[in-house]
Amino acid sequence: MLATAPNPLLARVAALRRPRAIRLAPPPRGGRSGFGWVIGRSRHCDLVLGEPTVSRLHAELREEKTGWVIADLGSTNGTWVNGWRVQRAELAAGDEVVLGAQRFVFGDQS
C-alpha cells in the first residue's frame, strides 16, 4: 500500500477553521466585583468576547493563594484547559484555555 501526501489545500482549510489563540496575561487584581474577572459575551463582563459560542457569563478568572484559577460559570459549551473540560482549574504559564470556540494561551507576554 502506498502512502500519499496530505492534500495541502485541505491542510490550509483546516488551519483556517481553528481560531488563533489570544495571549491572556494575568489581569490586575479584582474585576468589577472585586473578587475576580468575569469573562463572557455580556457587556457587564470584565472581559467581553464577541464569539457566539461563548456564554453571556462564561467563566471567572481569579487569583487565589496558590495562583490563578479559572472557574466555569455554568456555560453551555464549557471551559477547557489543556484539552480537558473543567469546572475549576489552576492555571500555569503556557496553559491553553478554550471558552466556546475562543482559544487563549495563559501567561505573561514576556
N, C-alpha and C. Protein backbone atom coordinates (compact mmCIF):
# COMPACT_ATOMS: atom_id res chain seq x y z
N MET A 1 0.84 -1.16 0.00
CA MET A 1 0.00 0.00 0.00
C MET A 1 0.90 1.24 0.00
N LEU A 2 0.62 2.17 -0.88
CA LEU A 2 1.40 3.39 -0.97
C LEU A 2 0.80 4.49 -0.09
N ALA A 3 1.66 5.17 0.62
CA ALA A 3 1.20 6.31 1.41
C ALA A 3 1.14 7.52 0.52
N THR A 4 0.11 8.34 0.68
CA THR A 4 0.00 9.56 -0.12
C THR A 4 0.21 10.77 0.76
N ALA A 5 0.74 11.80 0.16
CA ALA A 5 0.95 13.05 0.90
C ALA A 5 -0.40 13.70 1.17
N PRO A 6 -0.55 14.38 2.33
CA PRO A 6 -1.82 15.06 2.62
C PRO A 6 -2.06 16.17 1.61
N ASN A 7 -3.31 16.39 1.31
CA ASN A 7 -3.71 17.44 0.38
C ASN A 7 -3.40 18.81 1.02
N PRO A 8 -2.52 19.64 0.41
CA PRO A 8 -2.16 20.91 1.02
C PRO A 8 -3.33 21.87 1.13
N LEU A 9 -4.29 21.79 0.21
CA LEU A 9 -5.46 22.66 0.29
C LEU A 9 -6.29 22.32 1.51
N LEU A 10 -6.50 21.01 1.76
CA LEU A 10 -7.26 20.61 2.95
C LEU A 10 -6.55 21.02 4.23
N ALA A 11 -5.23 20.94 4.24
CA ALA A 11 -4.47 21.35 5.43
C ALA A 11 -4.66 22.84 5.70
N ARG A 12 -4.67 23.66 4.63
CA ARG A 12 -4.87 25.11 4.81
C ARG A 12 -6.28 25.40 5.31
N VAL A 13 -7.28 24.71 4.79
CA VAL A 13 -8.66 24.91 5.22
C VAL A 13 -8.80 24.53 6.69
N ALA A 14 -8.22 23.42 7.10
CA ALA A 14 -8.27 23.01 8.50
C ALA A 14 -7.60 24.04 9.39
N ALA A 15 -6.49 24.61 8.95
CA ALA A 15 -5.79 25.62 9.75
C ALA A 15 -6.63 26.88 9.87
N LEU A 16 -7.36 27.24 8.82
CA LEU A 16 -8.19 28.44 8.87
C LEU A 16 -9.37 28.27 9.81
N ARG A 17 -9.87 27.06 9.93
CA ARG A 17 -11.03 26.83 10.81
C ARG A 17 -10.66 26.87 12.28
N ARG A 18 -9.44 26.61 12.61
CA ARG A 18 -9.02 26.63 14.02
C ARG A 18 -8.69 28.06 14.41
N PRO A 19 -9.43 28.63 15.37
CA PRO A 19 -9.18 30.02 15.73
C PRO A 19 -7.80 30.20 16.35
N ARG A 20 -7.22 31.34 16.06
CA ARG A 20 -5.91 31.63 16.65
C ARG A 20 -6.05 31.87 18.15
N ALA A 21 -5.04 31.50 18.88
CA ALA A 21 -5.05 31.70 20.32
C ALA A 21 -4.66 33.14 20.64
N ILE A 22 -5.34 33.71 21.59
CA ILE A 22 -5.03 35.04 22.09
C ILE A 22 -4.26 34.86 23.39
N ARG A 23 -3.21 35.64 23.57
CA ARG A 23 -2.46 35.56 24.83
C ARG A 23 -3.26 36.26 25.91
N LEU A 24 -3.50 35.57 27.01
CA LEU A 24 -4.26 36.08 28.14
C LEU A 24 -3.29 36.23 29.31
N ALA A 25 -2.84 37.45 29.53
CA ALA A 25 -1.92 37.72 30.65
C ALA A 25 -2.73 37.81 31.94
N PRO A 26 -2.14 37.47 33.06
CA PRO A 26 -2.87 37.62 34.33
C PRO A 26 -3.30 39.08 34.49
N PRO A 27 -4.60 39.31 34.74
CA PRO A 27 -5.08 40.69 34.87
C PRO A 27 -4.74 41.28 36.22
N PRO A 28 -4.95 42.59 36.39
CA PRO A 28 -4.77 43.19 37.71
C PRO A 28 -5.74 42.53 38.69
N ARG A 29 -5.49 42.70 39.96
CA ARG A 29 -6.34 42.07 40.96
C ARG A 29 -7.76 42.61 40.92
N GLY A 30 -8.70 41.70 41.12
CA GLY A 30 -10.12 42.06 41.17
C GLY A 30 -10.65 42.48 39.83
N GLY A 31 -11.92 42.36 39.66
CA GLY A 31 -12.60 42.86 38.48
C GLY A 31 -13.63 43.85 38.97
N ARG A 32 -14.70 43.96 38.27
CA ARG A 32 -15.77 44.85 38.73
C ARG A 32 -16.31 44.41 40.07
N SER A 33 -16.32 43.10 40.29
CA SER A 33 -16.86 42.57 41.54
C SER A 33 -15.85 42.68 42.68
N GLY A 34 -14.57 42.85 42.34
CA GLY A 34 -13.54 42.89 43.37
C GLY A 34 -12.99 41.52 43.70
N PHE A 35 -13.61 40.46 43.20
CA PHE A 35 -13.17 39.10 43.51
C PHE A 35 -12.39 38.47 42.37
N GLY A 36 -12.85 38.66 41.16
CA GLY A 36 -12.20 38.05 40.01
C GLY A 36 -12.68 38.71 38.73
N TRP A 37 -12.21 38.19 37.61
CA TRP A 37 -12.55 38.73 36.30
C TRP A 37 -13.53 37.79 35.63
N VAL A 38 -14.74 38.30 35.36
CA VAL A 38 -15.75 37.52 34.68
C VAL A 38 -15.56 37.68 33.18
N ILE A 39 -15.57 36.54 32.46
CA ILE A 39 -15.37 36.51 31.01
C ILE A 39 -16.64 36.00 30.37
N GLY A 40 -17.11 36.69 29.33
CA GLY A 40 -18.30 36.24 28.63
C GLY A 40 -18.73 37.22 27.56
N ARG A 41 -19.92 36.98 26.99
CA ARG A 41 -20.46 37.84 25.94
C ARG A 41 -21.18 39.06 26.48
N SER A 42 -21.63 39.02 27.71
CA SER A 42 -22.39 40.13 28.28
C SER A 42 -21.53 41.39 28.40
N ARG A 43 -22.14 42.53 28.12
CA ARG A 43 -21.39 43.80 28.25
C ARG A 43 -21.05 44.10 29.70
N HIS A 44 -21.62 43.36 30.63
CA HIS A 44 -21.33 43.56 32.04
C HIS A 44 -20.11 42.78 32.51
N CYS A 45 -19.53 41.98 31.64
CA CYS A 45 -18.34 41.19 31.99
C CYS A 45 -17.11 42.09 32.02
N ASP A 46 -16.09 41.63 32.72
CA ASP A 46 -14.81 42.35 32.77
C ASP A 46 -14.06 42.18 31.45
N LEU A 47 -14.15 41.00 30.85
CA LEU A 47 -13.56 40.72 29.54
C LEU A 47 -14.68 40.25 28.64
N VAL A 48 -15.09 41.11 27.69
CA VAL A 48 -16.21 40.82 26.80
C VAL A 48 -15.69 40.20 25.51
N LEU A 49 -16.26 39.03 25.16
CA LEU A 49 -15.89 38.32 23.94
C LEU A 49 -17.09 38.31 22.99
N GLY A 50 -16.86 38.63 21.73
CA GLY A 50 -17.93 38.65 20.75
C GLY A 50 -18.17 37.31 20.08
N GLU A 51 -17.58 36.27 20.57
CA GLU A 51 -17.70 34.93 19.99
C GLU A 51 -19.06 34.33 20.39
N PRO A 52 -19.91 33.95 19.41
CA PRO A 52 -21.25 33.43 19.75
C PRO A 52 -21.25 32.12 20.53
N THR A 53 -20.17 31.36 20.52
CA THR A 53 -20.13 30.10 21.27
C THR A 53 -19.74 30.31 22.73
N VAL A 54 -19.46 31.55 23.10
CA VAL A 54 -19.14 31.89 24.49
C VAL A 54 -20.44 32.31 25.17
N SER A 55 -20.70 31.80 26.37
CA SER A 55 -21.90 32.15 27.11
C SER A 55 -21.82 33.59 27.62
N ARG A 56 -22.98 34.14 27.95
CA ARG A 56 -23.02 35.53 28.45
C ARG A 56 -22.13 35.70 29.68
N LEU A 57 -22.23 34.78 30.61
CA LEU A 57 -21.35 34.73 31.78
C LEU A 57 -20.68 33.37 31.72
N HIS A 58 -19.51 33.30 31.13
CA HIS A 58 -18.90 32.00 30.80
C HIS A 58 -17.99 31.47 31.91
N ALA A 59 -17.03 32.28 32.33
CA ALA A 59 -16.04 31.80 33.31
C ALA A 59 -15.53 32.98 34.14
N GLU A 60 -14.90 32.64 35.24
CA GLU A 60 -14.28 33.66 36.10
C GLU A 60 -12.81 33.32 36.29
N LEU A 61 -11.97 34.31 36.14
CA LEU A 61 -10.53 34.17 36.35
C LEU A 61 -10.20 34.92 37.62
N ARG A 62 -9.63 34.22 38.60
CA ARG A 62 -9.32 34.90 39.87
C ARG A 62 -7.99 34.42 40.44
N GLU A 63 -7.40 35.28 41.23
CA GLU A 63 -6.14 34.95 41.88
C GLU A 63 -6.43 34.43 43.27
N GLU A 64 -5.88 33.25 43.56
CA GLU A 64 -6.01 32.66 44.89
C GLU A 64 -4.64 32.53 45.50
N LYS A 65 -4.56 32.04 46.70
CA LYS A 65 -3.27 31.92 47.39
C LYS A 65 -2.28 31.07 46.62
N THR A 66 -2.79 30.04 45.92
CA THR A 66 -1.91 29.12 45.20
C THR A 66 -1.59 29.58 43.79
N GLY A 67 -2.27 30.62 43.30
CA GLY A 67 -2.04 31.12 41.94
C GLY A 67 -3.36 31.44 41.25
N TRP A 68 -3.32 31.53 39.92
CA TRP A 68 -4.51 31.88 39.14
C TRP A 68 -5.37 30.65 38.89
N VAL A 69 -6.69 30.86 38.99
CA VAL A 69 -7.68 29.80 38.83
C VAL A 69 -8.74 30.28 37.85
N ILE A 70 -9.21 29.37 37.00
CA ILE A 70 -10.36 29.66 36.14
C ILE A 70 -11.49 28.75 36.58
N ALA A 71 -12.70 29.32 36.68
CA ALA A 71 -13.87 28.55 37.09
C ALA A 71 -14.99 28.76 36.09
N ASP A 72 -15.60 27.67 35.65
CA ASP A 72 -16.73 27.75 34.73
C ASP A 72 -17.95 28.26 35.50
N LEU A 73 -18.75 29.11 34.85
CA LEU A 73 -19.93 29.68 35.50
C LEU A 73 -21.22 29.07 34.95
N GLY A 74 -21.18 27.77 34.63
CA GLY A 74 -22.36 27.09 34.11
C GLY A 74 -22.56 27.34 32.62
N SER A 75 -21.47 27.50 31.89
CA SER A 75 -21.55 27.80 30.46
C SER A 75 -22.11 26.62 29.68
N THR A 76 -22.65 26.93 28.50
CA THR A 76 -23.21 25.89 27.63
C THR A 76 -22.12 25.04 27.00
N ASN A 77 -21.08 25.67 26.44
CA ASN A 77 -20.04 24.94 25.71
C ASN A 77 -18.82 24.59 26.54
N GLY A 78 -18.82 24.96 27.79
CA GLY A 78 -17.77 24.53 28.70
C GLY A 78 -16.51 25.35 28.68
N THR A 79 -15.70 25.10 29.68
CA THR A 79 -14.39 25.70 29.85
C THR A 79 -13.39 24.55 29.79
N TRP A 80 -12.39 24.70 28.93
CA TRP A 80 -11.42 23.64 28.69
C TRP A 80 -10.03 24.15 29.00
N VAL A 81 -9.23 23.36 29.69
CA VAL A 81 -7.83 23.70 29.97
C VAL A 81 -6.97 22.54 29.51
N ASN A 82 -6.08 22.84 28.57
CA ASN A 82 -5.18 21.82 28.01
C ASN A 82 -5.92 20.57 27.53
N GLY A 83 -7.07 20.79 26.89
CA GLY A 83 -7.83 19.69 26.32
C GLY A 83 -8.80 19.01 27.25
N TRP A 84 -8.86 19.41 28.51
CA TRP A 84 -9.76 18.80 29.49
C TRP A 84 -10.87 19.77 29.86
N ARG A 85 -12.11 19.28 29.84
CA ARG A 85 -13.22 20.12 30.29
C ARG A 85 -13.16 20.20 31.81
N VAL A 86 -13.24 21.44 32.32
CA VAL A 86 -13.07 21.64 33.76
C VAL A 86 -14.20 22.49 34.32
N GLN A 87 -14.47 22.31 35.59
CA GLN A 87 -15.34 23.22 36.33
C GLN A 87 -14.49 24.29 37.01
N ARG A 88 -13.27 23.86 37.41
CA ARG A 88 -12.32 24.76 38.07
C ARG A 88 -10.94 24.18 37.83
N ALA A 89 -9.98 25.05 37.52
CA ALA A 89 -8.61 24.56 37.31
C ALA A 89 -7.61 25.64 37.63
N GLU A 90 -6.49 25.23 38.22
CA GLU A 90 -5.38 26.15 38.44
C GLU A 90 -4.66 26.32 37.11
N LEU A 91 -4.20 27.54 36.84
CA LEU A 91 -3.53 27.83 35.58
C LEU A 91 -2.06 28.09 35.79
N ALA A 92 -1.27 27.69 34.81
CA ALA A 92 0.16 27.97 34.79
C ALA A 92 0.48 28.62 33.45
N ALA A 93 1.59 29.31 33.39
CA ALA A 93 2.00 29.96 32.14
C ALA A 93 2.08 28.93 31.03
N GLY A 94 1.50 29.25 29.88
CA GLY A 94 1.51 28.37 28.73
C GLY A 94 0.30 27.47 28.61
N ASP A 95 -0.56 27.43 29.63
CA ASP A 95 -1.76 26.61 29.55
C ASP A 95 -2.69 27.14 28.46
N GLU A 96 -3.32 26.22 27.71
CA GLU A 96 -4.30 26.60 26.70
C GLU A 96 -5.68 26.55 27.34
N VAL A 97 -6.39 27.67 27.27
CA VAL A 97 -7.75 27.78 27.81
C VAL A 97 -8.68 27.99 26.63
N VAL A 98 -9.75 27.21 26.56
CA VAL A 98 -10.73 27.36 25.48
C VAL A 98 -12.09 27.62 26.10
N LEU A 99 -12.69 28.73 25.68
CA LEU A 99 -14.05 29.10 26.09
C LEU A 99 -14.89 29.11 24.82
N GLY A 100 -15.82 28.17 24.69
CA GLY A 100 -16.55 28.04 23.43
C GLY A 100 -15.56 27.71 22.33
N ALA A 101 -15.49 28.58 21.31
CA ALA A 101 -14.52 28.38 20.23
C ALA A 101 -13.34 29.33 20.34
N GLN A 102 -13.27 30.11 21.42
CA GLN A 102 -12.18 31.08 21.58
C GLN A 102 -11.04 30.45 22.39
N ARG A 103 -9.84 30.46 21.78
CA ARG A 103 -8.67 29.89 22.46
C ARG A 103 -7.81 31.00 23.04
N PHE A 104 -7.25 30.73 24.21
CA PHE A 104 -6.32 31.63 24.88
C PHE A 104 -5.09 30.84 25.30
N VAL A 105 -3.96 31.49 25.36
CA VAL A 105 -2.77 30.93 26.00
C VAL A 105 -2.52 31.79 27.22
N PHE A 106 -2.57 31.16 28.39
CA PHE A 106 -2.43 31.91 29.64
C PHE A 106 -0.97 32.16 29.96
N GLY A 107 -0.65 33.34 30.42
CA GLY A 107 0.69 33.66 30.89
C GLY A 107 1.13 35.04 30.48
N ASP A 108 2.23 35.47 31.06
CA ASP A 108 2.81 36.78 30.73
C ASP A 108 3.23 36.83 29.28
N GLN A 109 3.28 38.04 28.74
CA GLN A 109 3.67 38.20 27.36
C GLN A 109 5.18 38.22 27.17
N SER A 110 5.92 38.17 28.23
CA SER A 110 7.38 38.19 28.13
C SER A 110 7.95 36.87 27.68
